[in-house]
Amino acid sequence: MSAFSKRAIWLTVYSKHGDRLVQITQEHIRLARDLAEHRLYMSSVEVEILKSRIEELRKERDAILAQFEGR
């Protein structure tokens, strides 16, 4: 997990990127919950697809937050 300051997170949430940050968080939680609850019933390909999507979301989140770090 990347470490961003509380200030950077706060600034992001209250910027034009706030809605997207919330969407990313909601999708990430949903995917992580699906992995935790249903992993035994998924194929290895399905697990990798979900993990890949989670990683994409993390990268997008970090790119957004990085714009506000140090302000």
N, C-alpha and C. Protein backbone atom coordinates (compact mmCIF):
# COMPACT_ATOMS: atom_id res chain seq x y z
N MET A 1 0.84 -1.18 0.00
CA MET A 1 0.00 0.00 0.00
C MET A 1 0.88 1.24 0.00
N SER A 2 0.54 2.17 -0.81
CA SER A 2 1.26 3.43 -0.86
C SER A 2 0.84 4.29 0.32
N ALA A 3 1.79 5.07 0.80
CA ALA A 3 1.51 5.94 1.93
C ALA A 3 1.35 7.37 1.45
N PHE A 4 0.14 7.88 1.54
CA PHE A 4 -0.13 9.26 1.18
C PHE A 4 -0.57 9.99 2.44
N SER A 5 -0.27 11.26 2.50
CA SER A 5 -0.63 12.03 3.68
C SER A 5 -2.15 12.19 3.77
N LYS A 6 -2.60 12.39 4.99
CA LYS A 6 -4.03 12.64 5.20
C LYS A 6 -4.46 13.88 4.44
N ARG A 7 -3.57 14.85 4.38
CA ARG A 7 -3.89 16.09 3.65
C ARG A 7 -4.11 15.82 2.16
N ALA A 8 -3.24 15.00 1.56
CA ALA A 8 -3.39 14.68 0.14
C ALA A 8 -4.72 13.96 -0.11
N ILE A 9 -5.06 13.05 0.78
CA ILE A 9 -6.33 12.33 0.64
C ILE A 9 -7.49 13.29 0.78
N TRP A 10 -7.44 14.15 1.78
CA TRP A 10 -8.51 15.12 2.00
C TRP A 10 -8.67 16.04 0.79
N LEU A 11 -7.55 16.56 0.29
CA LEU A 11 -7.62 17.45 -0.87
C LEU A 11 -8.19 16.74 -2.09
N THR A 12 -7.83 15.49 -2.27
CA THR A 12 -8.34 14.71 -3.40
C THR A 12 -9.83 14.49 -3.29
N VAL A 13 -10.28 14.10 -2.11
CA VAL A 13 -11.70 13.80 -1.90
C VAL A 13 -12.56 15.03 -2.21
N TYR A 14 -12.06 16.21 -1.85
CA TYR A 14 -12.84 17.43 -2.06
C TYR A 14 -12.49 18.16 -3.36
N SER A 15 -11.83 17.45 -4.27
CA SER A 15 -11.51 18.02 -5.59
C SER A 15 -12.45 17.41 -6.63
N LYS A 16 -12.19 17.75 -7.88
CA LYS A 16 -12.98 17.18 -8.98
C LYS A 16 -12.75 15.68 -9.12
N HIS A 17 -11.69 15.16 -8.47
CA HIS A 17 -11.37 13.73 -8.53
C HIS A 17 -12.02 12.92 -7.41
N GLY A 18 -12.71 13.61 -6.51
CA GLY A 18 -13.29 12.94 -5.36
C GLY A 18 -14.26 11.83 -5.70
N ASP A 19 -15.16 12.08 -6.64
CA ASP A 19 -16.13 11.06 -7.03
C ASP A 19 -15.45 9.83 -7.60
N ARG A 20 -14.42 10.04 -8.40
CA ARG A 20 -13.71 8.90 -8.99
C ARG A 20 -12.97 8.11 -7.90
N LEU A 21 -12.40 8.80 -6.94
CA LEU A 21 -11.72 8.13 -5.85
C LEU A 21 -12.69 7.24 -5.07
N VAL A 22 -13.88 7.73 -4.85
CA VAL A 22 -14.91 6.93 -4.16
C VAL A 22 -15.29 5.72 -5.01
N GLN A 23 -15.45 5.90 -6.30
CA GLN A 23 -15.78 4.79 -7.19
C GLN A 23 -14.69 3.72 -7.17
N ILE A 24 -13.45 4.16 -7.22
CA ILE A 24 -12.32 3.23 -7.17
C ILE A 24 -12.36 2.43 -5.88
N THR A 25 -12.57 3.13 -4.78
CA THR A 25 -12.61 2.47 -3.46
C THR A 25 -13.73 1.45 -3.39
N GLN A 26 -14.91 1.81 -3.87
CA GLN A 26 -16.05 0.89 -3.83
C GLN A 26 -15.81 -0.35 -4.68
N GLU A 27 -15.26 -0.16 -5.88
CA GLU A 27 -15.00 -1.31 -6.74
C GLU A 27 -13.91 -2.19 -6.14
N HIS A 28 -12.88 -1.57 -5.60
CA HIS A 28 -11.78 -2.32 -4.98
C HIS A 28 -12.32 -3.19 -3.83
N ILE A 29 -13.14 -2.61 -2.99
CA ILE A 29 -13.71 -3.36 -1.86
C ILE A 29 -14.56 -4.51 -2.35
N ARG A 30 -15.38 -4.26 -3.37
CA ARG A 30 -16.24 -5.32 -3.91
C ARG A 30 -15.42 -6.48 -4.46
N LEU A 31 -14.37 -6.16 -5.21
CA LEU A 31 -13.52 -7.20 -5.79
C LEU A 31 -12.77 -7.98 -4.71
N ALA A 32 -12.24 -7.26 -3.73
CA ALA A 32 -11.51 -7.92 -2.64
C ALA A 32 -12.44 -8.83 -1.85
N ARG A 33 -13.66 -8.39 -1.61
CA ARG A 33 -14.64 -9.21 -0.90
C ARG A 33 -14.98 -10.46 -1.72
N ASP A 34 -15.17 -10.28 -3.02
CA ASP A 34 -15.44 -11.44 -3.89
C ASP A 34 -14.31 -12.45 -3.81
N LEU A 35 -13.08 -11.97 -3.84
CA LEU A 35 -11.93 -12.88 -3.74
C LEU A 35 -11.93 -13.62 -2.41
N ALA A 36 -12.18 -12.89 -1.34
CA ALA A 36 -12.14 -13.50 -0.01
C ALA A 36 -13.26 -14.52 0.18
N GLU A 37 -14.43 -14.22 -0.33
CA GLU A 37 -15.60 -15.08 -0.10
C GLU A 37 -15.73 -16.23 -1.09
N HIS A 38 -15.29 -16.04 -2.31
CA HIS A 38 -15.57 -17.01 -3.37
C HIS A 38 -14.33 -17.62 -4.02
N ARG A 39 -13.16 -17.34 -3.48
CA ARG A 39 -11.92 -17.79 -4.11
C ARG A 39 -11.89 -19.30 -4.34
N LEU A 40 -12.40 -20.07 -3.40
CA LEU A 40 -12.38 -21.53 -3.54
C LEU A 40 -13.21 -22.02 -4.71
N TYR A 41 -14.16 -21.21 -5.14
CA TYR A 41 -15.06 -21.60 -6.22
C TYR A 41 -14.67 -21.00 -7.57
N MET A 42 -13.56 -20.26 -7.58
CA MET A 42 -13.11 -19.59 -8.80
C MET A 42 -11.96 -20.36 -9.43
N SER A 43 -11.87 -20.25 -10.74
CA SER A 43 -10.71 -20.82 -11.43
C SER A 43 -9.51 -19.90 -11.20
N SER A 44 -8.34 -20.41 -11.46
CA SER A 44 -7.14 -19.59 -11.29
C SER A 44 -7.15 -18.39 -12.25
N VAL A 45 -7.77 -18.57 -13.41
CA VAL A 45 -7.88 -17.47 -14.37
C VAL A 45 -8.78 -16.37 -13.82
N GLU A 46 -9.91 -16.76 -13.23
CA GLU A 46 -10.81 -15.77 -12.64
C GLU A 46 -10.14 -15.01 -11.50
N VAL A 47 -9.39 -15.71 -10.68
CA VAL A 47 -8.67 -15.07 -9.58
C VAL A 47 -7.66 -14.06 -10.12
N GLU A 48 -6.93 -14.44 -11.15
CA GLU A 48 -5.94 -13.54 -11.73
C GLU A 48 -6.60 -12.31 -12.37
N ILE A 49 -7.76 -12.51 -12.98
CA ILE A 49 -8.48 -11.37 -13.57
C ILE A 49 -8.85 -10.37 -12.48
N LEU A 50 -9.38 -10.86 -11.37
CA LEU A 50 -9.76 -9.98 -10.27
C LEU A 50 -8.53 -9.29 -9.67
N LYS A 51 -7.46 -10.04 -9.47
CA LYS A 51 -6.23 -9.45 -8.93
C LYS A 51 -5.67 -8.38 -9.86
N SER A 52 -5.74 -8.64 -11.14
CA SER A 52 -5.24 -7.69 -12.12
C SER A 52 -6.06 -6.39 -12.08
N ARG A 53 -7.37 -6.54 -11.98
CA ARG A 53 -8.25 -5.36 -11.92
C ARG A 53 -7.98 -4.57 -10.64
N ILE A 54 -7.78 -5.26 -9.53
CA ILE A 54 -7.47 -4.58 -8.27
C ILE A 54 -6.17 -3.79 -8.42
N GLU A 55 -5.18 -4.37 -9.07
CA GLU A 55 -3.91 -3.68 -9.27
C GLU A 55 -4.09 -2.45 -10.16
N GLU A 56 -4.91 -2.54 -11.20
CA GLU A 56 -5.20 -1.39 -12.05
C GLU A 56 -5.84 -0.27 -11.24
N LEU A 57 -6.78 -0.63 -10.38
CA LEU A 57 -7.45 0.36 -9.53
C LEU A 57 -6.47 1.02 -8.58
N ARG A 58 -5.56 0.25 -8.01
CA ARG A 58 -4.55 0.80 -7.11
C ARG A 58 -3.66 1.81 -7.83
N LYS A 59 -3.26 1.46 -9.04
CA LYS A 59 -2.41 2.37 -9.82
C LYS A 59 -3.14 3.67 -10.14
N GLU A 60 -4.41 3.55 -10.52
CA GLU A 60 -5.20 4.75 -10.81
C GLU A 60 -5.37 5.60 -9.56
N ARG A 61 -5.68 4.96 -8.43
CA ARG A 61 -5.83 5.67 -7.16
C ARG A 61 -4.54 6.40 -6.81
N ASP A 62 -3.41 5.70 -6.90
CA ASP A 62 -2.12 6.31 -6.56
C ASP A 62 -1.79 7.48 -7.47
N ALA A 63 -2.11 7.36 -8.75
CA ALA A 63 -1.84 8.45 -9.69
C ALA A 63 -2.66 9.69 -9.34
N ILE A 64 -3.89 9.48 -8.94
CA ILE A 64 -4.74 10.61 -8.55
C ILE A 64 -4.21 11.24 -7.27
N LEU A 65 -3.94 10.42 -6.25
CA LEU A 65 -3.46 10.95 -4.98
C LEU A 65 -2.11 11.64 -5.11
N ALA A 66 -1.25 11.14 -5.98
CA ALA A 66 0.08 11.73 -6.16
C ALA A 66 0.00 13.19 -6.62
N GLN A 67 -1.06 13.53 -7.32
CA GLN A 67 -1.22 14.92 -7.78
C GLN A 67 -1.38 15.88 -6.62
N PHE A 68 -1.82 15.38 -5.47
CA PHE A 68 -2.12 16.25 -4.32
C PHE A 68 -1.11 16.11 -3.19
N GLU A 69 -0.17 15.19 -3.32
CA GLU A 69 0.85 15.02 -2.28
C GLU A 69 1.79 16.21 -2.33
N GLY A 70 2.10 16.74 -1.17
CA GLY A 70 3.03 17.86 -1.08
C GLY A 70 2.41 19.22 -1.29
N ARG A 71 1.12 19.29 -1.42
CA ARG A 71 0.47 20.61 -1.59
C ARG A 71 0.21 21.25 -0.26
